[in-house]
């Protein structure tokens, strides 16, 4: 009996302890991996939703500009507020635009491809190949949705290319997800105090406007006209605005991309057809 009691009171062997630790470690590792995967899925879903919100904001701004231009077609040109902004978006660099400057529209045949597996390729300032997309070559831009000011094209349309200068400080890869950062003041310098929309003590919201774009991270818009049979000055049937994003979601070694195309029909085509009909050309 004493031997039996002694046998029953014996401790765990080294093999049993090792097995218990192994099982515990295995369960812990699996649990942590499952938690990390779930967190990554939730984070990725949130980032995709935020990217879609930015895309929708750009699309609605473009539609608003066109609708405003359409509503002003019956009044004198000197009184049309959104005419120059629309001309900036719909004209090419070869067309003379008095107040709008060089147009941002592209020939669809010359637009490079949106097929890279590395977001940095799109921001490569030395890449001018037609095979891989380059935002500077294609005159990419974003609409400042907080300052749709018809009297200021430069503040409403934020361009990636200013003459020969590539705005690499404004258009950058996404640090988190595709987003447009706003700040108060017109400087392009990154300053946390100016980027934060937390109002300092004693400063009322009405005194501060965070409506200047300081960065467009991982999102851009490309304008392209309908393919015409003649020169670039021919009146196209429509304009396509390609809104594109690229960023690395958590836990992914390949970039996430969301893109959409907004097609806005050209009201000048109808006018051109009417003129041709009246002149007996068609």
C-alpha atoms as a PDB file:
ATOM      1  CA  UNK A   1       0.000   0.000   0.000  1.00  0.00           C
ATOM      2  CA  UNK A   2       2.810   2.398   0.797  1.00  0.00           C
ATOM      3  CA  UNK A   3       4.374   1.730  -2.589  1.00  0.00           C
ATOM      4  CA  UNK A   4       1.025   2.285  -4.295  1.00  0.00           C
ATOM      5  CA  UNK A   5       0.490   5.599  -2.480  1.00  0.00           C
ATOM      6  CA  UNK A   6       4.017   6.684  -3.372  1.00  0.00           C
ATOM      7  CA  UNK A   7       3.413   5.795  -7.055  1.00  0.00           C
ATOM      8  CA  UNK A   8       0.164   7.724  -7.118  1.00  0.00           C
ATOM      9  CA  UNK A   9       1.829  10.848  -5.644  1.00  0.00           C
ATOM     10  CA  UNK A  10       4.702  10.946  -8.100  1.00  0.00           C
ATOM     11  CA  UNK A  11       5.293  14.141 -10.184  1.00  0.00           C
ATOM     12  CA  UNK A  12       5.061  14.605 -13.944  1.00  0.00           C
ATOM     13  CA  UNK A  13       7.886  13.263 -16.014  1.00  0.00           C
ATOM     14  CA  UNK A  14       9.993  15.493 -18.273  1.00  0.00           C
ATOM     15  CA  UNK A  15       8.218  14.010 -21.297  1.00  0.00           C
ATOM     16  CA  UNK A  16       4.784  14.934 -19.937  1.00  0.00           C
ATOM     17  CA  UNK A  17       5.901  18.473 -19.107  1.00  0.00           C
ATOM     18  CA  UNK A  18       7.435  18.913 -22.561  1.00  0.00           C
ATOM     19  CA  UNK A  19       4.290  17.610 -24.230  1.00  0.00           C
ATOM     20  CA  UNK A  20       2.080  19.966 -22.198  1.00  0.00           C
ATOM     21  CA  UNK A  21       4.238  22.983 -23.085  1.00  0.00           C
ATOM     22  CA  UNK A  22       4.223  21.978 -26.753  1.00  0.00           C
ATOM     23  CA  UNK A  23       0.444  21.702 -26.858  1.00  0.00           C
ATOM     24  CA  UNK A  24       0.035  25.040 -25.059  1.00  0.00           C
ATOM     25  CA  UNK A  25       2.494  26.752 -27.424  1.00  0.00           C
ATOM     26  CA  UNK A  26       0.783  25.300 -30.475  1.00  0.00           C
ATOM     27  CA  UNK A  27      -2.639  26.484 -29.334  1.00  0.00           C
ATOM     28  CA  UNK A  28      -1.249  29.935 -28.489  1.00  0.00           C
ATOM     29  CA  UNK A  29       0.463  30.343 -31.877  1.00  0.00           C
ATOM     30  CA  UNK A  30      -2.643  29.254 -33.787  1.00  0.00           C
ATOM     31  CA  UNK A  31      -4.816  31.616 -31.728  1.00  0.00           C
ATOM     32  CA  UNK A  32      -2.478  34.565 -32.342  1.00  0.00           C
ATOM     33  CA  UNK A  33      -2.322  33.820 -36.077  1.00  0.00           C
ATOM     34  CA  UNK A  34      -6.105  33.675 -36.279  1.00  0.00           C
ATOM     35  CA  UNK A  35      -6.373  36.974 -34.402  1.00  0.00           C
ATOM     36  CA  UNK A  36      -3.783  38.621 -36.668  1.00  0.00           C
ATOM     37  CA  UNK A  37      -5.593  37.342 -39.747  1.00  0.00           C
ATOM     38  CA  UNK A  38      -8.941  38.663 -38.501  1.00  0.00           C
ATOM     39  CA  UNK A  39      -7.427  42.031 -37.622  1.00  0.00           C
ATOM     40  CA  UNK A  40      -5.787  42.232 -41.077  1.00  0.00           C
ATOM     41  CA  UNK A  41      -9.108  41.375 -42.762  1.00  0.00           C
ATOM     42  CA  UNK A  42     -10.949  44.027 -40.739  1.00  0.00           C
ATOM     43  CA  UNK A  43      -8.225  46.605 -41.415  1.00  0.00           C
ATOM     44  CA  UNK A  44      -8.176  45.764 -45.127  1.00  0.00           C
ATOM     45  CA  UNK A  45     -11.963  46.066 -45.347  1.00  0.00           C
ATOM     46  CA  UNK A  46     -11.861  49.448 -43.610  1.00  0.00           C
ATOM     47  CA  UNK A  47      -9.108  50.703 -45.913  1.00  0.00           C
ATOM     48  CA  UNK A  48     -11.012  49.541 -48.998  1.00  0.00           C
ATOM     49  CA  UNK A  49     -14.116  51.378 -47.778  1.00  0.00           C
ATOM     50  CA  UNK A  50     -12.104  54.549 -47.162  1.00  0.00           C
ATOM     51  CA  UNK A  51     -10.591  54.256 -50.646  1.00  0.00           C
ATOM     52  CA  UNK A  52     -14.060  53.911 -52.180  1.00  0.00           C
ATOM     53  CA  UNK A  53     -15.185  57.002 -50.263  1.00  0.00           C
ATOM     54  CA  UNK A  54     -12.306  59.007 -51.759  1.00  0.00           C
ATOM     55  CA  UNK A  55     -13.127  57.678 -55.242  1.00  0.00           C
ATOM     56  CA  UNK A  56     -16.812  58.574 -54.827  1.00  0.00           C
ATOM     57  CA  UNK A  57     -15.879  62.085 -53.645  1.00  0.00           C
ATOM     58  CA  UNK A  58     -13.764  62.641 -56.773  1.00  0.00           C
ATOM     59  CA  UNK A  59     -16.516  61.259 -59.016  1.00  0.00           C
ATOM     60  CA  UNK A  60     -19.183  63.486 -57.488  1.00  0.00           C
ATOM     61  CA  UNK A  61     -16.936  66.557 -57.795  1.00  0.00           C
ATOM     62  CA  UNK A  62     -16.382  65.853 -61.496  1.00  0.00           C
ATOM     63  CA  UNK A  63     -20.118  65.405 -62.084  1.00  0.00           C
ATOM     64  CA  UNK A  64     -20.838  68.618 -60.211  1.00  0.00           C
ATOM     65  CA  UNK A  65     -18.355  70.588 -62.330  1.00  0.00           C
ATOM     66  CA  UNK A  66     -19.872  69.277 -65.555  1.00  0.00           C
ATOM     67  CA  UNK A  67     -23.450  69.911 -64.373  1.00  0.00           C
ATOM     68  CA  UNK A  68     -22.515  73.445 -63.330  1.00  0.00           C
ATOM     69  CA  UNK A  69     -20.959  74.013 -66.761  1.00  0.00           C
ATOM     70  CA  UNK A  70     -24.079  72.638 -68.480  1.00  0.00           C
ATOM     71  CA  UNK A  71     -26.383  74.874 -66.459  1.00  0.00           C
ATOM     72  CA  UNK A  72     -24.401  77.937 -67.562  1.00  0.00           C
ATOM     73  CA  UNK A  73     -24.435  77.184 -71.287  1.00  0.00           C
ATOM     74  CA  UNK A  74     -27.340  79.560 -71.947  1.00  0.00           C
ATOM     75  CA  UNK A  75     -25.712  82.611 -70.401  1.00  0.00           C
ATOM     76  CA  UNK A  76     -22.937  84.814 -71.742  1.00  0.00           C
ATOM     77  CA  UNK A  77     -19.437  83.348 -71.656  1.00  0.00           C
ATOM     78  CA  UNK A  78     -18.132  86.122 -69.456  1.00  0.00           C
ATOM     79  CA  UNK A  79     -20.616  85.136 -66.744  1.00  0.00           C
ATOM     80  CA  UNK A  80     -19.965  81.390 -66.763  1.00  0.00           C
ATOM     81  CA  UNK A  81     -18.264  80.494 -63.501  1.00  0.00           C
ATOM     82  CA  UNK A  82     -17.305  76.863 -64.158  1.00  0.00           C
ATOM     83  CA  UNK A  83     -16.447  77.140 -67.842  1.00  0.00           C
ATOM     84  CA  UNK A  84     -12.686  77.492 -67.360  1.00  0.00           C
ATOM     85  CA  UNK A  85     -12.526  74.608 -64.894  1.00  0.00           C
ATOM     86  CA  UNK A  86     -14.379  72.344 -67.323  1.00  0.00           C
ATOM     87  CA  UNK A  87     -12.135  73.468 -70.193  1.00  0.00           C
ATOM     88  CA  UNK A  88      -9.097  72.671 -68.057  1.00  0.00           C
ATOM     89  CA  UNK A  89     -10.365  69.111 -67.524  1.00  0.00           C
ATOM     90  CA  UNK A  90     -11.586  68.480 -71.067  1.00  0.00           C
ATOM     91  CA  UNK A  91      -8.999  70.160 -73.283  1.00  0.00           C
ATOM     92  CA  UNK A  92      -5.550  68.941 -74.332  1.00  0.00           C
ATOM     93  CA  UNK A  93      -2.207  70.703 -74.119  1.00  0.00           C
ATOM     94  CA  UNK A  94      -2.388  71.459 -77.845  1.00  0.00           C
ATOM     95  CA  UNK A  95      -5.589  73.477 -77.517  1.00  0.00           C
ATOM     96  CA  UNK A  96      -5.546  77.167 -76.687  1.00  0.00           C
ATOM     97  CA  UNK A  97      -7.344  77.902 -73.425  1.00  0.00           C
ATOM     98  CA  UNK A  98      -7.285  81.558 -72.523  1.00  0.00           C
ATOM     99  CA  UNK A  99      -7.720  81.456 -68.729  1.00  0.00           C
ATOM    100  CA  UNK A 100      -7.553  77.734 -68.055  1.00  0.00           C
ATOM    101  CA  UNK A 101      -4.007  77.240 -69.289  1.00  0.00           C
ATOM    102  CA  UNK A 102      -2.712  73.883 -70.511  1.00  0.00           C
ATOM    103  CA  UNK A 103      -5.441  71.254 -70.611  1.00  0.00           C
ATOM    104  CA  UNK A 104      -5.234  67.983 -68.675  1.00  0.00           C
ATOM    105  CA  UNK A 105      -6.978  65.769 -71.216  1.00  0.00           C
ATOM    106  CA  UNK A 106      -5.131  62.920 -72.945  1.00  0.00           C
ATOM    107  CA  UNK A 107      -5.451  61.015 -76.165  1.00  0.00           C
ATOM    108  CA  UNK A 108      -6.721  57.567 -75.055  1.00  0.00           C
ATOM    109  CA  UNK A 109      -4.148  55.866 -77.288  1.00  0.00           C
ATOM    110  CA  UNK A 110      -1.277  57.490 -75.402  1.00  0.00           C
ATOM    111  CA  UNK A 111      -2.363  56.691 -71.856  1.00  0.00           C
ATOM    112  CA  UNK A 112      -0.079  54.189 -70.178  1.00  0.00           C
ATOM    113  CA  UNK A 113      -1.286  50.980 -68.584  1.00  0.00           C
ATOM    114  CA  UNK A 114      -2.552  50.492 -65.035  1.00  0.00           C
ATOM    115  CA  UNK A 115      -0.980  47.055 -64.670  1.00  0.00           C
ATOM    116  CA  UNK A 116       2.025  47.360 -62.368  1.00  0.00           C
ATOM    117  CA  UNK A 117       2.340  45.122 -59.299  1.00  0.00           C
ATOM    118  CA  UNK A 118       4.275  47.816 -57.448  1.00  0.00           C
ATOM    119  CA  UNK A 119       2.658  51.121 -56.477  1.00  0.00           C
ATOM    120  CA  UNK A 120       6.009  52.940 -56.583  1.00  0.00           C
ATOM    121  CA  UNK A 121       6.148  52.380 -60.359  1.00  0.00           C
ATOM    122  CA  UNK A 122       3.317  54.857 -60.874  1.00  0.00           C
ATOM    123  CA  UNK A 123       5.302  57.595 -59.104  1.00  0.00           C
ATOM    124  CA  UNK A 124       8.604  56.920 -60.872  1.00  0.00           C
ATOM    125  CA  UNK A 125       9.604  60.296 -62.307  1.00  0.00           C
ATOM    126  CA  UNK A 126      11.953  58.723 -64.863  1.00  0.00           C
ATOM    127  CA  UNK A 127       9.424  56.237 -66.241  1.00  0.00           C
ATOM    128  CA  UNK A 128       7.880  57.464 -69.484  1.00  0.00           C
ATOM    129  CA  UNK A 129       6.991  54.083 -70.947  1.00  0.00           C
ATOM    130  CA  UNK A 130       3.542  53.623 -72.424  1.00  0.00           C
ATOM    131  CA  UNK A 131       3.418  50.107 -71.037  1.00  0.00           C
ATOM    132  CA  UNK A 132       3.474  51.047 -67.364  1.00  0.00           C
ATOM    133  CA  UNK A 133       1.323  53.765 -65.909  1.00  0.00           C
ATOM    134  CA  UNK A 134       2.987  57.022 -64.915  1.00  0.00           C
ATOM    135  CA  UNK A 135       0.902  59.707 -63.261  1.00  0.00           C
ATOM    136  CA  UNK A 136       3.178  62.569 -64.293  1.00  0.00           C
ATOM    137  CA  UNK A 137       3.253  61.653 -67.980  1.00  0.00           C
ATOM    138  CA  UNK A 138      -0.541  61.324 -67.999  1.00  0.00           C
ATOM    139  CA  UNK A 139      -1.053  64.688 -66.240  1.00  0.00           C
ATOM    140  CA  UNK A 140      -2.828  63.173 -63.250  1.00  0.00           C
ATOM    141  CA  UNK A 141      -4.757  65.382 -60.847  1.00  0.00           C
ATOM    142  CA  UNK A 142      -7.249  65.372 -57.987  1.00  0.00           C
ATOM    143  CA  UNK A 143     -10.169  67.679 -57.294  1.00  0.00           C
ATOM    144  CA  UNK A 144     -10.036  69.662 -54.075  1.00  0.00           C
ATOM    145  CA  UNK A 145     -13.493  68.660 -52.840  1.00  0.00           C
ATOM    146  CA  UNK A 146     -13.326  71.186 -50.005  1.00  0.00           C
ATOM    147  CA  UNK A 147     -12.629  74.168 -52.223  1.00  0.00           C
ATOM    148  CA  UNK A 148     -14.583  74.033 -55.473  1.00  0.00           C
ATOM    149  CA  UNK A 149     -13.752  77.634 -56.270  1.00  0.00           C
ATOM    150  CA  UNK A 150     -14.576  78.522 -59.908  1.00  0.00           C
ATOM    151  CA  UNK A 151     -12.450  81.645 -59.651  1.00  0.00           C
ATOM    152  CA  UNK A 152      -9.314  79.651 -58.786  1.00  0.00           C
ATOM    153  CA  UNK A 153      -8.454  76.728 -61.039  1.00  0.00           C
ATOM    154  CA  UNK A 154      -5.157  76.064 -59.245  1.00  0.00           C
ATOM    155  CA  UNK A 155      -6.828  75.554 -55.853  1.00  0.00           C
ATOM    156  CA  UNK A 156      -9.718  73.504 -57.269  1.00  0.00           C
ATOM    157  CA  UNK A 157      -7.653  71.197 -59.503  1.00  0.00           C
ATOM    158  CA  UNK A 158      -4.475  69.949 -57.842  1.00  0.00           C
ATOM    159  CA  UNK A 159      -2.109  68.875 -60.627  1.00  0.00           C
ATOM    160  CA  UNK A 160       0.755  66.403 -60.566  1.00  0.00           C
ATOM    161  CA  UNK A 161       2.524  68.289 -63.349  1.00  0.00           C
ATOM    162  CA  UNK A 162       3.052  72.044 -63.236  1.00  0.00           C
ATOM    163  CA  UNK A 163       4.686  72.901 -66.545  1.00  0.00           C
ATOM    164  CA  UNK A 164       7.827  70.760 -66.509  1.00  0.00           C
ATOM    165  CA  UNK A 165       7.811  70.390 -62.712  1.00  0.00           C
ATOM    166  CA  UNK A 166       6.640  67.040 -61.349  1.00  0.00           C
ATOM    167  CA  UNK A 167       4.898  67.607 -58.017  1.00  0.00           C
ATOM    168  CA  UNK A 168       6.427  64.682 -56.148  1.00  0.00           C
ATOM    169  CA  UNK A 169       5.664  66.268 -52.787  1.00  0.00           C
ATOM    170  CA  UNK A 170       1.938  66.465 -53.557  1.00  0.00           C
ATOM    171  CA  UNK A 171       1.442  63.082 -55.221  1.00  0.00           C
ATOM    172  CA  UNK A 172       2.990  60.262 -53.196  1.00  0.00           C
ATOM    173  CA  UNK A 173       2.519  56.608 -52.399  1.00  0.00           C
ATOM    174  CA  UNK A 174      -0.046  55.773 -49.746  1.00  0.00           C
ATOM    175  CA  UNK A 175       1.349  55.583 -46.225  1.00  0.00           C
ATOM    176  CA  UNK A 176      -1.852  53.920 -44.961  1.00  0.00           C
ATOM    177  CA  UNK A 177      -4.611  53.890 -47.564  1.00  0.00           C
ATOM    178  CA  UNK A 178      -5.619  56.105 -50.510  1.00  0.00           C
ATOM    179  CA  UNK A 179      -6.504  59.496 -49.076  1.00  0.00           C
ATOM    180  CA  UNK A 180      -6.241  63.222 -49.629  1.00  0.00           C
ATOM    181  CA  UNK A 181      -4.689  65.188 -46.786  1.00  0.00           C
ATOM    182  CA  UNK A 182      -5.871  68.719 -46.111  1.00  0.00           C
ATOM    183  CA  UNK A 183      -4.296  71.458 -44.072  1.00  0.00           C
ATOM    184  CA  UNK A 184      -4.827  75.108 -43.239  1.00  0.00           C
ATOM    185  CA  UNK A 185      -2.689  77.557 -45.131  1.00  0.00           C
ATOM    186  CA  UNK A 186      -1.284  77.264 -48.627  1.00  0.00           C
ATOM    187  CA  UNK A 187       2.201  75.905 -47.879  1.00  0.00           C
ATOM    188  CA  UNK A 188       3.057  72.380 -49.011  1.00  0.00           C
ATOM    189  CA  UNK A 189       5.213  71.808 -45.925  1.00  0.00           C
ATOM    190  CA  UNK A 190       4.059  68.904 -43.765  1.00  0.00           C
ATOM    191  CA  UNK A 191       3.322  70.132 -40.267  1.00  0.00           C
ATOM    192  CA  UNK A 192       1.351  68.030 -37.787  1.00  0.00           C
ATOM    193  CA  UNK A 193      -0.083  71.140 -36.159  1.00  0.00           C
ATOM    194  CA  UNK A 194      -1.425  72.357 -39.491  1.00  0.00           C
ATOM    195  CA  UNK A 195      -2.609  68.948 -40.677  1.00  0.00           C
ATOM    196  CA  UNK A 196      -4.606  68.120 -37.548  1.00  0.00           C
ATOM    197  CA  UNK A 197      -8.198  69.293 -37.660  1.00  0.00           C
ATOM    198  CA  UNK A 198      -8.281  69.565 -33.884  1.00  0.00           C
ATOM    199  CA  UNK A 199      -9.010  73.207 -33.173  1.00  0.00           C
ATOM    200  CA  UNK A 200      -6.515  74.811 -30.766  1.00  0.00           C
ATOM    201  CA  UNK A 201      -7.722  76.340 -27.540  1.00  0.00           C
ATOM    202  CA  UNK A 202      -9.481  79.650 -28.094  1.00  0.00           C
ATOM    203  CA  UNK A 203      -9.781  79.138 -31.860  1.00  0.00           C
ATOM    204  CA  UNK A 204     -13.275  78.608 -33.168  1.00  0.00           C
ATOM    205  CA  UNK A 205     -13.941  76.322 -36.154  1.00  0.00           C
ATOM    206  CA  UNK A 206     -15.125  79.312 -38.174  1.00  0.00           C
ATOM    207  CA  UNK A 207     -11.622  80.800 -37.953  1.00  0.00           C
ATOM    208  CA  UNK A 208      -9.883  77.761 -39.442  1.00  0.00           C
ATOM    209  CA  UNK A 209     -10.433  76.182 -42.833  1.00  0.00           C
ATOM    210  CA  UNK A 210      -8.685  72.900 -43.559  1.00  0.00           C
ATOM    211  CA  UNK A 211      -9.277  73.122 -47.279  1.00  0.00           C
ATOM    212  CA  UNK A 212      -5.841  73.115 -48.901  1.00  0.00           C
ATOM    213  CA  UNK A 213      -4.566  69.859 -50.333  1.00  0.00           C
ATOM    214  CA  UNK A 214      -1.111  69.030 -49.025  1.00  0.00           C
ATOM    215  CA  UNK A 215      -0.929  65.428 -50.248  1.00  0.00           C
ATOM    216  CA  UNK A 216      -2.755  63.012 -52.508  1.00  0.00           C
ATOM    217  CA  UNK A 217      -1.620  59.622 -51.269  1.00  0.00           C
ATOM    218  CA  UNK A 218      -2.266  56.625 -53.500  1.00  0.00           C
ATOM    219  CA  UNK A 219      -5.107  58.237 -55.483  1.00  0.00           C
ATOM    220  CA  UNK A 220      -5.168  60.139 -58.776  1.00  0.00           C
ATOM    221  CA  UNK A 221      -7.430  60.968 -61.737  1.00  0.00           C
ATOM    222  CA  UNK A 222      -6.589  60.709 -65.456  1.00  0.00           C
ATOM    223  CA  UNK A 223      -8.658  62.509 -68.094  1.00  0.00           C
ATOM    224  CA  UNK A 224      -9.063  61.049 -71.594  1.00  0.00           C
ATOM    225  CA  UNK A 225     -11.281  61.985 -74.527  1.00  0.00           C
ATOM    226  CA  UNK A 226     -13.184  59.718 -76.849  1.00  0.00           C
ATOM    227  CA  UNK A 227     -11.102  58.546 -79.755  1.00  0.00           C
ATOM    228  CA  UNK A 228     -11.655  60.802 -82.775  1.00  0.00           C
ATOM    229  CA  UNK A 229     -10.876  60.108 -86.403  1.00  0.00           C
ATOM    230  CA  UNK A 230      -9.258  63.439 -87.033  1.00  0.00           C
ATOM    231  CA  UNK A 231      -7.025  65.792 -85.078  1.00  0.00           C
ATOM    232  CA  UNK A 232      -7.103  66.334 -81.318  1.00  0.00           C
ATOM    233  CA  UNK A 233      -9.184  69.469 -81.869  1.00  0.00           C
ATOM    234  CA  UNK A 234     -12.123  67.424 -83.189  1.00  0.00           C
ATOM    235  CA  UNK A 235     -15.118  67.531 -80.889  1.00  0.00           C
ATOM    236  CA  UNK A 236     -15.220  64.211 -78.966  1.00  0.00           C
ATOM    237  CA  UNK A 237     -18.421  62.452 -78.013  1.00  0.00           C
ATOM    238  CA  UNK A 238     -17.485  62.027 -74.360  1.00  0.00           C
ATOM    239  CA  UNK A 239     -14.697  62.313 -71.807  1.00  0.00           C
ATOM    240  CA  UNK A 240     -13.543  59.503 -69.533  1.00  0.00           C
ATOM    241  CA  UNK A 241     -12.125  60.247 -66.104  1.00  0.00           C
ATOM    242  CA  UNK A 242     -10.162  57.299 -64.725  1.00  0.00           C
ATOM    243  CA  UNK A 243     -10.032  57.440 -60.918  1.00  0.00           C
ATOM    244  CA  UNK A 244      -7.367  55.067 -59.668  1.00  0.00           C
ATOM    245  CA  UNK A 245      -5.876  53.970 -56.354  1.00  0.00           C
ATOM    246  CA  UNK A 246      -2.967  51.795 -55.278  1.00  0.00           C
ATOM    247  CA  UNK A 247      -1.784  50.848 -51.790  1.00  0.00           C
ATOM    248  CA  UNK A 248      -0.498  47.933 -49.746  1.00  0.00           C
ATOM    249  CA  UNK A 249      -3.124  46.547 -47.402  1.00  0.00           C
ATOM    250  CA  UNK A 250      -1.926  44.989 -44.104  1.00  0.00           C
ATOM    251  CA  UNK A 251      -0.608  41.460 -44.484  1.00  0.00           C
ATOM    252  CA  UNK A 252      -0.362  41.652 -48.285  1.00  0.00           C
ATOM    253  CA  UNK A 253       2.812  41.589 -50.372  1.00  0.00           C
ATOM    254  CA  UNK A 254       0.923  42.657 -53.500  1.00  0.00           C
ATOM    255  CA  UNK A 255      -0.822  46.012 -53.820  1.00  0.00           C
ATOM    256  CA  UNK A 256      -4.547  46.536 -53.505  1.00  0.00           C
ATOM    257  CA  UNK A 257      -6.106  48.518 -56.339  1.00  0.00           C
ATOM    258  CA  UNK A 258      -9.569  49.991 -56.817  1.00  0.00           C
ATOM    259  CA  UNK A 259     -10.429  51.946 -59.939  1.00  0.00           C
ATOM    260  CA  UNK A 260     -13.476  53.336 -61.672  1.00  0.00           C
ATOM    261  CA  UNK A 261     -14.192  55.354 -64.804  1.00  0.00           C
ATOM    262  CA  UNK A 262     -16.640  58.247 -64.978  1.00  0.00           C
ATOM    263  CA  UNK A 263     -17.902  58.977 -68.500  1.00  0.00           C
ATOM    264  CA  UNK A 264     -19.227  62.478 -69.026  1.00  0.00           C
ATOM    265  CA  UNK A 265     -20.775  63.268 -72.397  1.00  0.00           C
ATOM    266  CA  UNK A 266     -19.774  66.375 -74.275  1.00  0.00           C
ATOM    267  CA  UNK A 267     -22.548  68.971 -74.758  1.00  0.00           C
ATOM    268  CA  UNK A 268     -20.508  70.656 -77.481  1.00  0.00           C
ATOM    269  CA  UNK A 269     -20.935  67.615 -79.742  1.00  0.00           C
ATOM    270  CA  UNK A 270     -24.651  68.308 -80.120  1.00  0.00           C
ATOM    271  CA  UNK A 271     -23.955  71.940 -80.900  1.00  0.00           C
ATOM    272  CA  UNK A 272     -21.331  70.939 -83.450  1.00  0.00           C
ATOM    273  CA  UNK A 273     -23.745  68.518 -85.141  1.00  0.00           C
ATOM    274  CA  UNK A 274     -26.449  71.178 -85.259  1.00  0.00           C
ATOM    275  CA  UNK A 275     -24.028  73.627 -86.897  1.00  0.00           C
ATOM    276  CA  UNK A 276     -23.002  71.008 -89.464  1.00  0.00           C
ATOM    277  CA  UNK A 277     -26.642  70.237 -90.218  1.00  0.00           C
ATOM    278  CA  UNK A 278     -27.494  73.914 -90.699  1.00  0.00           C
ATOM    279  CA  UNK A 279     -24.493  74.472 -92.927  1.00  0.00           C
ATOM    280  CA  UNK A 280     -25.464  71.497 -95.077  1.00  0.00           C
ATOM    281  CA  UNK A 281     -22.394  69.388 -94.255  1.00  0.00           C
ATOM    282  CA  UNK A 282     -24.387  66.457 -92.917  1.00  0.00           C
END
